[in-house]
Amino acid sequence: MRTSTDRIILLSLGPESRILSISTDGSDVKVLVDGLVAKPDGVAIDPINGHLFYTFMGIVRQGEDFFEVDGYIERANLDGT
């Protein structure tokens, strides 16, 4: 298995967000997760088990509904499956 220093994990935010993996020299861009309608706000890597965790804080709110509990976390394998 590759070490965490071999690749950079990047959030690409847009109408459909993606999580990318890029070599440290900027070459070899790979899409790990695509088609995310919600925008992830964090990524954590578990290199021992080969997992990628990404978090979503939930809907942006104002006023009294600001603290609505609607965030969540998803997991994929480091190869994107």
PDB file of N, CA and C in Angstrom:
ATOM      1  N   MET A   1       0.842  -1.175   0.000  1.00  0.00           N
ATOM      2  CA  MET A   1       0.000   0.000   0.000  1.00  0.00           C
ATOM      3  C   MET A   1       0.887   1.238   0.000  1.00  0.00           C
ATOM      4  N   ARG A   2       0.440   2.277  -0.647  1.00  0.00           N
ATOM      5  CA  ARG A   2       1.177   3.528  -0.703  1.00  0.00           C
ATOM      6  C   ARG A   2       1.077   4.248   0.632  1.00  0.00           C
ATOM      7  N   THR A   3       2.062   5.075   0.916  1.00  0.00           N
ATOM      8  CA  THR A   3       2.005   5.868   2.139  1.00  0.00           C
ATOM      9  C   THR A   3       1.274   7.170   1.864  1.00  0.00           C
ATOM     10  N   SER A   4       0.915   7.874   2.906  1.00  0.00           N
ATOM     11  CA  SER A   4       0.158   9.110   2.743  1.00  0.00           C
ATOM     12  C   SER A   4       0.982  10.202   2.069  1.00  0.00           C
ATOM     13  N   THR A   5       2.304  10.082   2.016  1.00  0.00           N
ATOM     14  CA  THR A   5       3.130  11.112   1.390  1.00  0.00           C
ATOM     15  C   THR A   5       3.235  10.929  -0.116  1.00  0.00           C
ATOM     16  N   ASP A   6       2.730   9.840  -0.654  1.00  0.00           N
ATOM     17  CA  ASP A   6       2.787   9.604  -2.090  1.00  0.00           C
ATOM     18  C   ASP A   6       1.750  10.403  -2.877  1.00  0.00           C
ATOM     19  N   ARG A   7       0.661  10.809  -2.233  1.00  0.00           N
ATOM     20  CA  ARG A   7      -0.456  11.451  -2.922  1.00  0.00           C
ATOM     21  C   ARG A   7      -0.998  12.594  -2.074  1.00  0.00           C
ATOM     22  N   ILE A   8      -1.647  13.522  -2.735  1.00  0.00           N
ATOM     23  CA  ILE A   8      -2.361  14.605  -2.075  1.00  0.00           C
ATOM     24  C   ILE A   8      -3.846  14.379  -2.334  1.00  0.00           C
ATOM     25  N   ILE A   9      -4.662  14.471  -1.298  1.00  0.00           N
ATOM     26  CA  ILE A   9      -6.104  14.338  -1.438  1.00  0.00           C
ATOM     27  C   ILE A   9      -6.686  15.749  -1.486  1.00  0.00           C
ATOM     28  N   LEU A  10      -7.547  16.004  -2.463  1.00  0.00           N
ATOM     29  CA  LEU A  10      -8.055  17.340  -2.718  1.00  0.00           C
ATOM     30  C   LEU A  10      -9.572  17.312  -2.858  1.00  0.00           C
ATOM     31  N   LEU A  11     -10.236  18.268  -2.224  1.00  0.00           N
ATOM     32  CA  LEU A  11     -11.676  18.457  -2.428  1.00  0.00           C
ATOM     33  C   LEU A  11     -11.852  19.407  -3.598  1.00  0.00           C
ATOM     34  N   SER A  12     -12.597  19.004  -4.594  1.00  0.00           N
ATOM     35  CA  SER A  12     -12.920  19.856  -5.734  1.00  0.00           C
ATOM     36  C   SER A  12     -14.405  20.187  -5.642  1.00  0.00           C
ATOM     37  N   LEU A  13     -14.704  21.430  -5.220  1.00  0.00           N
ATOM     38  CA  LEU A  13     -16.082  21.814  -4.960  1.00  0.00           C
ATOM     39  C   LEU A  13     -16.685  22.493  -6.173  1.00  0.00           C
ATOM     40  N   GLY A  14     -17.907  22.120  -6.520  1.00  0.00           N
ATOM     41  CA  GLY A  14     -18.618  22.697  -7.651  1.00  0.00           C
ATOM     42  C   GLY A  14     -20.052  22.212  -7.634  1.00  0.00           C
ATOM     43  N   PRO A  15     -20.769  22.360  -8.750  1.00  0.00           N
ATOM     44  CA  PRO A  15     -22.150  21.863  -8.807  1.00  0.00           C
ATOM     45  C   PRO A  15     -22.237  20.379  -8.440  1.00  0.00           C
ATOM     46  N   GLU A  16     -21.274  19.602  -8.886  1.00  0.00           N
ATOM     47  CA  GLU A  16     -21.108  18.222  -8.434  1.00  0.00           C
ATOM     48  C   GLU A  16     -19.675  18.108  -7.933  1.00  0.00           C
ATOM     49  N   SER A  17     -19.518  18.026  -6.633  1.00  0.00           N
ATOM     50  CA  SER A  17     -18.190  18.006  -6.032  1.00  0.00           C
ATOM     51  C   SER A  17     -17.515  16.661  -6.220  1.00  0.00           C
ATOM     52  N   ARG A  18     -16.173  16.681  -6.104  1.00  0.00           N
ATOM     53  CA  ARG A  18     -15.368  15.460  -6.264  1.00  0.00           C
ATOM     54  C   ARG A  18     -14.269  15.443  -5.218  1.00  0.00           C
ATOM     55  N   ILE A  19     -13.743  14.251  -4.975  1.00  0.00           N
ATOM     56  CA  ILE A  19     -12.541  14.097  -4.169  1.00  0.00           C
ATOM     57  C   ILE A  19     -11.493  13.496  -5.093  1.00  0.00           C
ATOM     58  N   LEU A  20     -10.354  14.189  -5.201  1.00  0.00           N
ATOM     59  CA  LEU A  20      -9.294  13.808  -6.130  1.00  0.00           C
ATOM     60  C   LEU A  20      -8.067  13.336  -5.372  1.00  0.00           C
ATOM     61  N   SER A  21      -7.262  12.552  -6.039  1.00  0.00           N
ATOM     62  CA  SER A  21      -5.958  12.126  -5.557  1.00  0.00           C
ATOM     63  C   SER A  21      -4.936  12.554  -6.608  1.00  0.00           C
ATOM     64  N   ILE A  22      -3.872  13.242  -6.164  1.00  0.00           N
ATOM     65  CA  ILE A  22      -2.881  13.782  -7.088  1.00  0.00           C
ATOM     66  C   ILE A  22      -1.489  13.421  -6.593  1.00  0.00           C
ATOM     67  N   SER A  23      -0.599  13.059  -7.509  1.00  0.00           N
ATOM     68  CA  SER A  23       0.792  12.822  -7.134  1.00  0.00           C
ATOM     69  C   SER A  23       1.396  14.106  -6.597  1.00  0.00           C
ATOM     70  N   THR A  24       2.391  14.000  -5.747  1.00  0.00           N
ATOM     71  CA  THR A  24       3.003  15.182  -5.145  1.00  0.00           C
ATOM     72  C   THR A  24       3.671  16.091  -6.167  1.00  0.00           C
ATOM     73  N   ASP A  25       3.975  15.587  -7.362  1.00  0.00           N
ATOM     74  CA  ASP A  25       4.569  16.443  -8.398  1.00  0.00           C
ATOM     75  C   ASP A  25       3.497  17.077  -9.291  1.00  0.00           C
ATOM     76  N   GLY A  26       2.211  16.878  -8.970  1.00  0.00           N
ATOM     77  CA  GLY A  26       1.112  17.476  -9.719  1.00  0.00           C
ATOM     78  C   GLY A  26       0.610  16.648 -10.889  1.00  0.00           C
ATOM     79  N   SER A  27       1.221  15.512 -11.133  1.00  0.00           N
ATOM     80  CA  SER A  27       0.784  14.649 -12.230  1.00  0.00           C
ATOM     81  C   SER A  27      -0.159  13.565 -11.697  1.00  0.00           C
ATOM     82  N   ASP A  28      -0.647  12.751 -12.584  1.00  0.00           N
ATOM     83  CA  ASP A  28      -1.449  11.572 -12.240  1.00  0.00           C
ATOM     84  C   ASP A  28      -2.654  11.911 -11.360  1.00  0.00           C
ATOM     85  N   VAL A  29      -3.546  12.751 -11.884  1.00  0.00           N
ATOM     86  CA  VAL A  29      -4.771  13.112 -11.169  1.00  0.00           C
ATOM     87  C   VAL A  29      -5.780  11.976 -11.311  1.00  0.00           C
ATOM     88  N   LYS A  30      -6.314  11.514 -10.182  1.00  0.00           N
ATOM     89  CA  LYS A  30      -7.319  10.453 -10.185  1.00  0.00           C
ATOM     90  C   LYS A  30      -8.548  10.936  -9.426  1.00  0.00           C
ATOM     91  N   VAL A  31      -9.722  10.667  -9.975  1.00  0.00           N
ATOM     92  CA  VAL A  31     -10.974  10.966  -9.286  1.00  0.00           C
ATOM     93  C   VAL A  31     -11.301   9.766  -8.404  1.00  0.00           C
ATOM     94  N   LEU A  32     -11.362  10.000  -7.090  1.00  0.00           N
ATOM     95  CA  LEU A  32     -11.686   8.920  -6.161  1.00  0.00           C
ATOM     96  C   LEU A  32     -13.187   8.815  -5.944  1.00  0.00           C
ATOM     97  N   VAL A  33     -13.832   9.953  -5.728  1.00  0.00           N
ATOM     98  CA  VAL A  33     -15.277   9.999  -5.490  1.00  0.00           C
ATOM     99  C   VAL A  33     -15.821  11.162  -6.298  1.00  0.00           C
ATOM    100  N   ASP A  34     -16.870  10.932  -7.083  1.00  0.00           N
ATOM    101  CA  ASP A  34     -17.458  12.030  -7.851  1.00  0.00           C
ATOM    102  C   ASP A  34     -18.968  12.030  -7.706  1.00  0.00           C
ATOM    103  N   GLY A  35     -19.603  13.047  -8.265  1.00  0.00           N
ATOM    104  CA  GLY A  35     -21.051  13.142  -8.239  1.00  0.00           C
ATOM    105  C   GLY A  35     -21.631  13.516  -6.892  1.00  0.00           C
ATOM    106  N   LEU A  36     -20.839  14.162  -6.037  1.00  0.00           N
ATOM    107  CA  LEU A  36     -21.341  14.570  -4.731  1.00  0.00           C
ATOM    108  C   LEU A  36     -22.150  15.853  -4.887  1.00  0.00           C
ATOM    109  N   VAL A  37     -23.448  15.786  -4.668  1.00  0.00           N
ATOM    110  CA  VAL A  37     -24.300  16.966  -4.791  1.00  0.00           C
ATOM    111  C   VAL A  37     -24.053  17.905  -3.612  1.00  0.00           C
ATOM    112  N   ALA A  38     -23.934  17.352  -2.415  1.00  0.00           N
ATOM    113  CA  ALA A  38     -23.583  18.158  -1.239  1.00  0.00           C
ATOM    114  C   ALA A  38     -22.073  18.427  -1.293  1.00  0.00           C
ATOM    115  N   LYS A  39     -21.654  19.495  -0.652  1.00  0.00           N
ATOM    116  CA  LYS A  39     -20.246  19.879  -0.676  1.00  0.00           C
ATOM    117  C   LYS A  39     -19.549  19.391   0.598  1.00  0.00           C
ATOM    118  N   PRO A  40     -18.597  18.465   0.457  1.00  0.00           N
ATOM    119  CA  PRO A  40     -17.877  17.999   1.637  1.00  0.00           C
ATOM    120  C   PRO A  40     -17.019  19.121   2.211  1.00  0.00           C
ATOM    121  N   ASP A  41     -16.833  19.105   3.528  1.00  0.00           N
ATOM    122  CA  ASP A  41     -16.048  20.149   4.163  1.00  0.00           C
ATOM    123  C   ASP A  41     -14.821  19.630   4.887  1.00  0.00           C
ATOM    124  N   GLY A  42     -14.603  18.339   4.860  1.00  0.00           N
ATOM    125  CA  GLY A  42     -13.427  17.782   5.504  1.00  0.00           C
ATOM    126  C   GLY A  42     -13.122  16.402   4.984  1.00  0.00           C
ATOM    127  N   VAL A  43     -11.846  16.031   5.055  1.00  0.00           N
ATOM    128  CA  VAL A  43     -11.399  14.713   4.615  1.00  0.00           C
ATOM    129  C   VAL A  43     -10.407  14.184   5.642  1.00  0.00           C
ATOM    130  N   ALA A  44     -10.522  12.924   5.962  1.00  0.00           N
ATOM    131  CA  ALA A  44      -9.554  12.248   6.830  1.00  0.00           C
ATOM    132  C   ALA A  44      -9.179  10.932   6.170  1.00  0.00           C
ATOM    133  N   ILE A  45      -7.922  10.546   6.319  1.00  0.00           N
ATOM    134  CA  ILE A  45      -7.413   9.325   5.699  1.00  0.00           C
ATOM    135  C   ILE A  45      -7.002   8.343   6.786  1.00  0.00           C
ATOM    136  N   ASP A  46      -7.428   7.105   6.626  1.00  0.00           N
ATOM    137  CA  ASP A  46      -7.017   6.009   7.495  1.00  0.00           C
ATOM    138  C   ASP A  46      -6.110   5.107   6.651  1.00  0.00           C
ATOM    139  N   PRO A  47      -4.787   5.367   6.631  1.00  0.00           N
ATOM    140  CA  PRO A  47      -3.897   4.600   5.753  1.00  0.00           C
ATOM    141  C   PRO A  47      -3.738   3.136   6.168  1.00  0.00           C
ATOM    142  N   ILE A  48      -3.926   2.836   7.436  1.00  0.00           N
ATOM    143  CA  ILE A  48      -3.771   1.454   7.905  1.00  0.00           C
ATOM    144  C   ILE A  48      -4.867   0.565   7.328  1.00  0.00           C
ATOM    145  N   ASN A  49      -6.111   1.056   7.344  1.00  0.00           N
ATOM    146  CA  ASN A  49      -7.237   0.274   6.830  1.00  0.00           C
ATOM    147  C   ASN A  49      -7.609   0.631   5.401  1.00  0.00           C
ATOM    148  N   GLY A  50      -6.932   1.639   4.828  1.00  0.00           N
ATOM    149  CA  GLY A  50      -7.172   1.999   3.437  1.00  0.00           C
ATOM    150  C   GLY A  50      -8.485   2.713   3.194  1.00  0.00           C
ATOM    151  N   HIS A  51      -8.899   3.564   4.150  1.00  0.00           N
ATOM    152  CA  HIS A  51     -10.173   4.253   4.031  1.00  0.00           C
ATOM    153  C   HIS A  51     -10.004   5.764   3.936  1.00  0.00           C
ATOM    154  N   LEU A  52     -10.967   6.383   3.286  1.00  0.00           N
ATOM    155  CA  LEU A  52     -11.063   7.823   3.135  1.00  0.00           C
ATOM    156  C   LEU A  52     -12.418   8.223   3.715  1.00  0.00           C
ATOM    157  N   PHE A  53     -12.417   9.112   4.712  1.00  0.00           N
ATOM    158  CA  PHE A  53     -13.649   9.595   5.320  1.00  0.00           C
ATOM    159  C   PHE A  53     -13.842  11.037   4.894  1.00  0.00           C
ATOM    160  N   TYR A  54     -15.083  11.421   4.551  1.00  0.00           N
ATOM    161  CA  TYR A  54     -15.354  12.803   4.200  1.00  0.00           C
ATOM    162  C   TYR A  54     -16.644  13.231   4.883  1.00  0.00           C
ATOM    163  N   THR A  55     -16.631  14.478   5.372  1.00  0.00           N
ATOM    164  CA  THR A  55     -17.714  14.967   6.214  1.00  0.00           C
ATOM    165  C   THR A  55     -18.510  16.064   5.527  1.00  0.00           C
ATOM    166  N   PHE A  56     -19.740  16.189   5.961  1.00  0.00           N
ATOM    167  CA  PHE A  56     -20.658  17.218   5.487  1.00  0.00           C
ATOM    168  C   PHE A  56     -21.280  17.870   6.723  1.00  0.00           C
ATOM    169  N   MET A  57     -21.170  19.189   6.831  1.00  0.00           N
ATOM    170  CA  MET A  57     -21.695  19.897   8.003  1.00  0.00           C
ATOM    171  C   MET A  57     -23.208  20.046   7.961  1.00  0.00           C
ATOM    172  N   GLY A  58     -23.814  19.896   6.816  1.00  0.00           N
ATOM    173  CA  GLY A  58     -25.255  20.046   6.708  1.00  0.00           C
ATOM    174  C   GLY A  58     -25.613  21.329   5.986  1.00  0.00           C
ATOM    175  N   ILE A  59     -26.886  21.637   5.974  1.00  0.00           N
ATOM    176  CA  ILE A  59     -27.413  22.796   5.262  1.00  0.00           C
ATOM    177  C   ILE A  59     -27.035  24.076   5.993  1.00  0.00           C
ATOM    178  N   VAL A  60     -26.633  25.083   5.259  1.00  0.00           N
ATOM    179  CA  VAL A  60     -26.338  26.387   5.850  1.00  0.00           C
ATOM    180  C   VAL A  60     -27.653  27.020   6.270  1.00  0.00           C
ATOM    181  N   ARG A  61     -27.732  27.423   7.514  1.00  0.00           N
ATOM    182  CA  ARG A  61     -28.971  27.981   8.064  1.00  0.00           C
ATOM    183  C   ARG A  61     -28.668  29.292   8.777  1.00  0.00           C
ATOM    184  N   GLN A  62     -29.702  30.080   8.956  1.00  0.00           N
ATOM    185  CA  GLN A  62     -29.599  31.303   9.740  1.00  0.00           C
ATOM    186  C   GLN A  62     -30.741  31.325  10.736  1.00  0.00           C
ATOM    187  N   GLY A  63     -30.532  32.012  11.832  1.00  0.00           N
ATOM    188  CA  GLY A  63     -31.600  32.141  12.819  1.00  0.00           C
ATOM    189  C   GLY A  63     -31.666  30.966  13.764  1.00  0.00           C
ATOM    190  N   GLU A  64     -32.861  30.667  14.225  1.00  0.00           N
ATOM    191  CA  GLU A  64     -33.051  29.650  15.257  1.00  0.00           C
ATOM    192  C   GLU A  64     -32.753  28.240  14.783  1.00  0.00           C
ATOM    193  N   ASP A  65     -32.826  27.969  13.472  1.00  0.00           N
ATOM    194  CA  ASP A  65     -32.578  26.619  12.960  1.00  0.00           C
ATOM    195  C   ASP A  65     -31.100  26.333  12.734  1.00  0.00           C
ATOM    196  N   PHE A  66     -30.210  27.273  13.118  1.00  0.00           N
ATOM    197  CA  PHE A  66     -28.787  27.119  12.834  1.00  0.00           C
ATOM    198  C   PHE A  66     -28.222  25.811  13.382  1.00  0.00           C
ATOM    199  N   PHE A  67     -28.681  25.372  14.542  1.00  0.00           N
ATOM    200  CA  PHE A  67     -28.103  24.192  15.176  1.00  0.00           C
ATOM    201  C   PHE A  67     -28.860  22.902  14.850  1.00  0.00           C
ATOM    202  N   GLU A  68     -29.544  22.857  13.743  1.00  0.00           N
ATOM    203  CA  GLU A  68     -30.206  21.631  13.299  1.00  0.00           C
ATOM    204  C   GLU A  68     -29.140  20.549  13.084  1.00  0.00           C
ATOM    205  N   VAL A  69     -29.407  19.350  13.562  1.00  0.00           N
ATOM    206  CA  VAL A  69     -28.450  18.248  13.444  1.00  0.00           C
ATOM    207  C   VAL A  69     -28.685  17.546  12.104  1.00  0.00           C
ATOM    208  N   ASP A  70     -27.963  17.961  11.052  1.00  0.00           N
ATOM    209  CA  ASP A  70     -28.144  17.331   9.749  1.00  0.00           C
ATOM    210  C   ASP A  70     -26.818  17.053   9.051  1.00  0.00           C
ATOM    211  N   GLY A  71     -25.720  17.110   9.768  1.00  0.00           N
ATOM    212  CA  GLY A  71     -24.433  16.744   9.200  1.00  0.00           C
ATOM    213  C   GLY A  71     -24.281  15.230   9.127  1.00  0.00           C
ATOM    214  N   TYR A  72     -23.323  14.777   8.327  1.00  0.00           N
ATOM    215  CA  TYR A  72     -23.092  13.335   8.223  1.00  0.00           C
ATOM    216  C   TYR A  72     -21.676  13.064   7.718  1.00  0.00           C
ATOM    217  N   ILE A  73     -21.287  11.807   7.756  1.00  0.00           N
ATOM    218  CA  ILE A  73     -19.968  11.367   7.317  1.00  0.00           C
ATOM    219  C   ILE A  73     -20.139  10.194   6.352  1.00  0.00           C
ATOM    220  N   GLU A  74     -19.280  10.123   5.348  1.00  0.00           N
ATOM    221  CA  GLU A  74     -19.277   8.994   4.409  1.00  0.00           C
ATOM    222  C   GLU A  74     -17.878   8.405   4.345  1.00  0.00           C
ATOM    223  N   ARG A  75     -17.769   7.188   3.847  1.00  0.00           N
ATOM    224  CA  ARG A  75     -16.478   6.516   3.739  1.00  0.00           C
ATOM    225  C   ARG A  75     -16.348   5.844   2.382  1.00  0.00           C
ATOM    226  N   ALA A  76     -15.136   5.891   1.857  1.00  0.00           N
ATOM    227  CA  ALA A  76     -14.791   5.144   0.638  1.00  0.00           C
ATOM    228  C   ALA A  76     -13.429   4.510   0.876  1.00  0.00           C
ATOM    229  N   ASN A  77     -13.090   3.560   0.056  1.00  0.00           N
ATOM    230  CA  ASN A  77     -11.746   3.014   0.105  1.00  0.00           C
ATOM    231  C   ASN A  77     -10.800   3.982  -0.601  1.00  0.00           C
ATOM    232  N   LEU A  78      -9.518   3.915  -0.301  1.00  0.00           N
ATOM    233  CA  LEU A  78      -8.555   4.845  -0.911  1.00  0.00           C
ATOM    234  C   LEU A  78      -8.489   4.736  -2.419  1.00  0.00           C
ATOM    235  N   ASP A  79      -8.947   3.630  -2.982  1.00  0.00           N
ATOM    236  CA  ASP A  79      -8.959   3.502  -4.446  1.00  0.00           C
ATOM    237  C   ASP A  79     -10.251   4.047  -5.051  1.00  0.00           C
ATOM    238  N   GLY A  80     -11.143   4.594  -4.198  1.00  0.00           N
ATOM    239  CA  GLY A  80     -12.380   5.196  -4.675  1.00  0.00           C
ATOM    240  C   GLY A  80     -13.590   4.295  -4.640  1.00  0.00           C
ATOM    241  N   THR A  81     -13.419   3.014  -4.365  1.00  0.00           N
ATOM    242  CA  THR A  81     -14.574   2.103  -4.293  1.00  0.00           C
ATOM    243  C   THR A  81     -15.339   2.290  -2.998  1.00  0.00           C
TER     244      THR A  81
END
